[in-house]
């Protein structure tokens, strides 16, 4: 069984490698099969009833950043707390590169 420290390190690695985009924002949804944003046509034939008249060809762009503020803020807070507790320069570097809107 993994320790809490191991799970936290694994989670941080996943966030850094899959969720942080080139602008320093954290995407809020990924295709779990590819661990990347959904392809443009992924939702084209899906039944999405939120907005029946919308063009869902572009839903992949929306869903990737649908909760960007909360995800980015939560990760920034986590890295800030980690730095405050452990004086981890790694956490400080991660916090500094986050682009909080």
N, C-alpha and C. Protein backbone atom coordinates (compact mmCIF):
# COMPACT_ATOMS: atom_id res chain seq x y z
N UNK A 1 0.84 -1.18 0.00
CA UNK A 1 0.00 0.00 0.00
C UNK A 1 0.89 1.25 0.00
N UNK A 2 0.51 2.21 -0.79
CA UNK A 2 1.26 3.45 -0.87
C UNK A 2 1.03 4.32 0.36
N UNK A 3 2.07 5.01 0.76
CA UNK A 3 1.92 5.95 1.86
C UNK A 3 1.27 7.23 1.32
N UNK A 4 0.82 8.07 2.23
CA UNK A 4 0.22 9.33 1.82
C UNK A 4 1.23 10.18 1.04
N UNK A 5 2.47 10.16 1.48
CA UNK A 5 3.52 10.91 0.78
C UNK A 5 3.69 10.41 -0.65
N UNK A 6 3.69 9.09 -0.84
CA UNK A 6 3.83 8.52 -2.18
C UNK A 6 2.64 8.89 -3.06
N UNK A 7 1.45 8.84 -2.50
CA UNK A 7 0.25 9.21 -3.27
C UNK A 7 0.28 10.68 -3.65
N UNK A 8 0.71 11.53 -2.73
CA UNK A 8 0.79 12.97 -3.01
C UNK A 8 1.81 13.24 -4.11
N UNK A 9 2.96 12.59 -4.05
CA UNK A 9 3.99 12.76 -5.08
C UNK A 9 3.49 12.28 -6.44
N UNK A 10 2.80 11.16 -6.46
CA UNK A 10 2.25 10.63 -7.70
C UNK A 10 1.21 11.59 -8.28
N UNK A 11 0.35 12.11 -7.42
CA UNK A 11 -0.67 13.07 -7.86
C UNK A 11 -0.03 14.32 -8.43
N UNK A 12 0.96 14.86 -7.73
CA UNK A 12 1.67 16.04 -8.21
C UNK A 12 2.30 15.79 -9.57
N UNK A 13 2.92 14.64 -9.74
CA UNK A 13 3.53 14.30 -11.03
C UNK A 13 2.48 14.23 -12.13
N UNK A 14 1.32 13.63 -11.84
CA UNK A 14 0.24 13.56 -12.83
C UNK A 14 -0.26 14.95 -13.19
N UNK A 15 -0.44 15.80 -12.19
CA UNK A 15 -0.90 17.17 -12.46
C UNK A 15 0.09 17.88 -13.36
N UNK A 16 1.35 17.82 -12.98
CA UNK A 16 2.38 18.53 -13.74
C UNK A 16 2.53 18.01 -15.17
N UNK A 17 2.43 16.70 -15.34
CA UNK A 17 2.65 16.14 -16.68
C UNK A 17 1.41 16.13 -17.56
N UNK A 18 0.21 16.18 -16.97
CA UNK A 18 -1.01 16.05 -17.77
C UNK A 18 -1.94 17.26 -17.73
N UNK A 19 -2.00 17.95 -16.62
CA UNK A 19 -3.03 18.99 -16.47
C UNK A 19 -2.53 20.41 -16.67
N UNK A 20 -1.28 20.70 -16.35
CA UNK A 20 -0.77 22.06 -16.52
C UNK A 20 -0.49 22.30 -18.00
N UNK A 21 -1.17 23.29 -18.56
CA UNK A 21 -0.96 23.56 -19.99
C UNK A 21 0.22 24.50 -20.20
N UNK A 22 0.50 24.84 -21.44
CA UNK A 22 1.67 25.66 -21.77
C UNK A 22 1.58 27.08 -21.23
N UNK A 23 0.37 27.50 -20.80
CA UNK A 23 0.18 28.83 -20.25
C UNK A 23 0.21 28.84 -18.73
N UNK A 24 0.37 27.67 -18.10
CA UNK A 24 0.39 27.59 -16.65
C UNK A 24 -1.00 27.47 -16.03
N UNK A 25 -1.99 27.13 -16.84
CA UNK A 25 -3.34 26.90 -16.33
C UNK A 25 -3.57 25.41 -16.15
N UNK A 26 -4.43 25.05 -15.22
CA UNK A 26 -4.75 23.64 -15.02
C UNK A 26 -6.06 23.29 -15.68
N UNK A 27 -5.99 22.39 -16.63
CA UNK A 27 -7.20 21.91 -17.28
C UNK A 27 -8.03 21.12 -16.27
N UNK A 28 -9.33 21.10 -16.48
CA UNK A 28 -10.20 20.45 -15.50
C UNK A 28 -10.76 19.12 -15.99
N UNK A 29 -10.54 18.77 -17.23
CA UNK A 29 -11.04 17.48 -17.73
C UNK A 29 -10.11 16.97 -18.82
N UNK A 30 -9.84 15.68 -18.75
CA UNK A 30 -9.01 15.02 -19.74
C UNK A 30 -9.70 13.75 -20.20
N UNK A 31 -9.31 13.29 -21.38
CA UNK A 31 -9.71 11.97 -21.83
C UNK A 31 -8.83 10.99 -21.06
N UNK A 32 -9.43 10.19 -20.20
CA UNK A 32 -8.66 9.30 -19.33
C UNK A 32 -7.94 8.19 -20.09
N UNK A 33 -8.35 7.93 -21.31
CA UNK A 33 -7.65 6.92 -22.12
C UNK A 33 -6.32 7.44 -22.64
N UNK A 34 -6.26 8.73 -22.95
CA UNK A 34 -5.04 9.32 -23.51
C UNK A 34 -4.31 10.23 -22.53
N UNK A 35 -4.98 10.63 -21.45
CA UNK A 35 -4.47 11.60 -20.47
C UNK A 35 -4.11 12.93 -21.15
N UNK A 36 -4.87 13.25 -22.16
CA UNK A 36 -4.74 14.51 -22.90
C UNK A 36 -6.13 15.11 -23.06
N UNK A 37 -6.21 16.37 -23.49
CA UNK A 37 -7.54 16.94 -23.75
C UNK A 37 -8.29 16.12 -24.80
N UNK A 38 -9.60 16.16 -24.74
CA UNK A 38 -10.42 15.43 -25.72
C UNK A 38 -10.17 15.97 -27.12
N UNK A 39 -10.16 15.08 -28.09
CA UNK A 39 -10.01 15.48 -29.49
C UNK A 39 -11.23 16.28 -29.92
N UNK A 40 -11.05 17.13 -30.93
CA UNK A 40 -12.14 17.99 -31.41
C UNK A 40 -13.43 17.24 -31.68
N UNK A 41 -13.35 16.12 -32.33
CA UNK A 41 -14.57 15.41 -32.75
C UNK A 41 -15.09 14.43 -31.69
N UNK A 42 -14.46 14.36 -30.53
CA UNK A 42 -14.84 13.36 -29.53
C UNK A 42 -16.32 13.44 -29.15
N UNK A 43 -16.86 14.63 -28.98
CA UNK A 43 -18.24 14.80 -28.52
C UNK A 43 -19.25 14.95 -29.65
N UNK A 44 -18.78 14.90 -30.89
CA UNK A 44 -19.65 15.18 -32.04
C UNK A 44 -20.91 14.31 -32.06
N UNK A 45 -20.79 13.03 -31.84
CA UNK A 45 -21.94 12.13 -31.90
C UNK A 45 -22.48 11.76 -30.52
N UNK A 46 -22.01 12.45 -29.49
CA UNK A 46 -22.48 12.17 -28.14
C UNK A 46 -23.79 12.92 -27.88
N UNK A 47 -24.58 12.39 -27.01
CA UNK A 47 -25.83 13.03 -26.65
C UNK A 47 -25.60 13.92 -25.42
N UNK A 48 -25.50 15.21 -25.65
CA UNK A 48 -25.29 16.18 -24.57
C UNK A 48 -26.51 17.08 -24.54
N UNK A 49 -27.22 17.06 -23.45
CA UNK A 49 -28.50 17.76 -23.39
C UNK A 49 -28.44 19.10 -22.68
N UNK A 50 -27.26 19.57 -22.31
CA UNK A 50 -27.19 20.84 -21.61
C UNK A 50 -27.68 22.00 -22.46
N UNK A 51 -27.21 22.06 -23.67
CA UNK A 51 -27.56 23.13 -24.61
C UNK A 51 -27.88 22.49 -25.95
N UNK A 52 -29.13 22.13 -26.18
CA UNK A 52 -29.47 21.34 -27.37
C UNK A 52 -29.14 22.02 -28.70
N UNK A 53 -29.08 23.35 -28.74
CA UNK A 53 -28.83 24.04 -30.01
C UNK A 53 -27.35 24.38 -30.22
N UNK A 54 -26.50 24.02 -29.28
CA UNK A 54 -25.09 24.38 -29.38
C UNK A 54 -24.36 23.48 -30.37
N UNK A 55 -23.26 23.99 -30.90
CA UNK A 55 -22.40 23.22 -31.78
C UNK A 55 -21.40 22.46 -30.92
N UNK A 56 -21.63 21.17 -30.70
CA UNK A 56 -20.79 20.39 -29.79
C UNK A 56 -19.51 19.90 -30.44
N UNK A 57 -19.25 20.29 -31.67
CA UNK A 57 -17.96 19.97 -32.27
C UNK A 57 -16.84 20.60 -31.45
N UNK A 58 -17.12 21.74 -30.83
CA UNK A 58 -16.12 22.46 -30.05
C UNK A 58 -16.24 22.22 -28.56
N UNK A 59 -17.05 21.27 -28.13
CA UNK A 59 -17.24 21.01 -26.71
C UNK A 59 -15.94 20.59 -26.04
N UNK A 60 -15.04 19.98 -26.76
CA UNK A 60 -13.76 19.57 -26.18
C UNK A 60 -12.98 20.77 -25.65
N UNK A 61 -13.03 21.89 -26.36
CA UNK A 61 -12.36 23.11 -25.88
C UNK A 61 -12.99 23.60 -24.58
N UNK A 62 -14.31 23.56 -24.52
CA UNK A 62 -15.02 24.02 -23.33
C UNK A 62 -14.72 23.12 -22.13
N UNK A 63 -14.86 21.82 -22.30
CA UNK A 63 -14.75 20.90 -21.18
C UNK A 63 -13.33 20.87 -20.60
N UNK A 64 -12.32 21.08 -21.42
CA UNK A 64 -10.94 21.07 -20.92
C UNK A 64 -10.70 22.18 -19.90
N UNK A 65 -11.39 23.32 -20.07
CA UNK A 65 -11.15 24.47 -19.20
C UNK A 65 -12.40 24.90 -18.43
N UNK A 66 -13.40 24.03 -18.35
CA UNK A 66 -14.68 24.37 -17.74
C UNK A 66 -14.51 24.82 -16.28
N UNK A 67 -13.58 24.27 -15.56
CA UNK A 67 -13.40 24.60 -14.15
C UNK A 67 -11.97 25.07 -13.88
N UNK A 68 -11.42 25.81 -14.82
CA UNK A 68 -10.01 26.20 -14.77
C UNK A 68 -9.67 27.04 -13.55
N UNK A 69 -10.55 27.93 -13.14
CA UNK A 69 -10.27 28.79 -11.99
C UNK A 69 -10.13 28.01 -10.70
N UNK A 70 -11.06 27.10 -10.46
CA UNK A 70 -11.01 26.30 -9.24
C UNK A 70 -9.80 25.37 -9.24
N UNK A 71 -9.56 24.70 -10.36
CA UNK A 71 -8.45 23.74 -10.42
C UNK A 71 -7.11 24.45 -10.26
N UNK A 72 -6.94 25.54 -10.97
CA UNK A 72 -5.69 26.30 -10.88
C UNK A 72 -5.50 26.85 -9.49
N UNK A 73 -6.55 27.43 -8.91
CA UNK A 73 -6.46 28.00 -7.56
C UNK A 73 -6.17 26.95 -6.51
N UNK A 74 -6.81 25.81 -6.61
CA UNK A 74 -6.59 24.73 -5.63
C UNK A 74 -5.15 24.23 -5.69
N UNK A 75 -4.63 24.08 -6.89
CA UNK A 75 -3.25 23.59 -7.02
C UNK A 75 -2.25 24.65 -6.54
N UNK A 76 -2.52 25.89 -6.87
CA UNK A 76 -1.66 26.98 -6.39
C UNK A 76 -1.67 27.01 -4.86
N UNK A 77 -2.84 26.87 -4.25
CA UNK A 77 -2.94 26.85 -2.79
C UNK A 77 -2.17 25.66 -2.22
N UNK A 78 -2.30 24.49 -2.84
CA UNK A 78 -1.61 23.30 -2.35
C UNK A 78 -0.09 23.49 -2.39
N UNK A 79 0.42 24.04 -3.48
CA UNK A 79 1.86 24.25 -3.59
C UNK A 79 2.33 25.32 -2.59
N UNK A 80 1.50 26.33 -2.37
CA UNK A 80 1.84 27.36 -1.39
C UNK A 80 1.89 26.78 0.01
N UNK A 81 0.90 25.96 0.36
CA UNK A 81 0.90 25.32 1.68
C UNK A 81 2.09 24.37 1.82
N UNK A 82 2.40 23.64 0.77
CA UNK A 82 3.55 22.73 0.82
C UNK A 82 4.83 23.51 1.06
N UNK A 83 4.95 24.63 0.39
CA UNK A 83 6.14 25.46 0.60
C UNK A 83 6.19 25.98 2.03
N UNK A 84 5.06 26.46 2.54
CA UNK A 84 5.03 27.00 3.90
C UNK A 84 5.37 25.95 4.95
N UNK A 85 4.96 24.72 4.73
CA UNK A 85 5.20 23.66 5.71
C UNK A 85 6.60 23.06 5.55
N UNK A 86 7.00 22.76 4.32
CA UNK A 86 8.24 22.01 4.09
C UNK A 86 9.39 22.87 3.58
N UNK A 87 9.10 24.13 3.25
CA UNK A 87 10.11 25.00 2.62
C UNK A 87 10.65 24.35 1.35
N UNK A 88 9.77 23.67 0.63
CA UNK A 88 10.13 22.94 -0.58
C UNK A 88 10.32 23.93 -1.73
N UNK A 89 11.56 24.03 -2.22
CA UNK A 89 11.80 24.93 -3.35
C UNK A 89 11.09 24.42 -4.61
N UNK A 90 10.91 23.10 -4.69
CA UNK A 90 10.17 22.52 -5.81
C UNK A 90 8.72 23.02 -5.82
N UNK A 91 8.09 23.04 -4.66
CA UNK A 91 6.70 23.53 -4.56
C UNK A 91 6.64 25.01 -4.91
N UNK A 92 7.63 25.77 -4.47
CA UNK A 92 7.66 27.20 -4.78
C UNK A 92 7.80 27.43 -6.29
N UNK A 93 8.65 26.65 -6.95
CA UNK A 93 8.81 26.77 -8.41
C UNK A 93 7.50 26.42 -9.13
N UNK A 94 6.81 25.38 -8.65
CA UNK A 94 5.54 25.00 -9.26
C UNK A 94 4.50 26.09 -9.06
N UNK A 95 4.46 26.68 -7.87
CA UNK A 95 3.51 27.75 -7.58
C UNK A 95 3.78 28.97 -8.44
N UNK A 96 5.06 29.29 -8.62
CA UNK A 96 5.43 30.48 -9.40
C UNK A 96 5.06 30.36 -10.87
N UNK A 97 5.04 29.15 -11.41
CA UNK A 97 4.73 29.01 -12.84
C UNK A 97 3.23 28.95 -13.13
N UNK A 98 2.42 28.83 -12.07
CA UNK A 98 0.96 28.78 -12.25
C UNK A 98 0.47 30.17 -12.66
N UNK A 99 -0.33 30.21 -13.69
CA UNK A 99 -0.88 31.46 -14.20
C UNK A 99 -2.29 31.60 -13.66
N UNK A 100 -2.41 32.25 -12.53
CA UNK A 100 -3.75 32.40 -11.96
C UNK A 100 -4.41 33.61 -12.60
N UNK A 101 -5.49 33.34 -13.30
CA UNK A 101 -6.20 34.37 -14.05
C UNK A 101 -6.34 35.59 -13.21
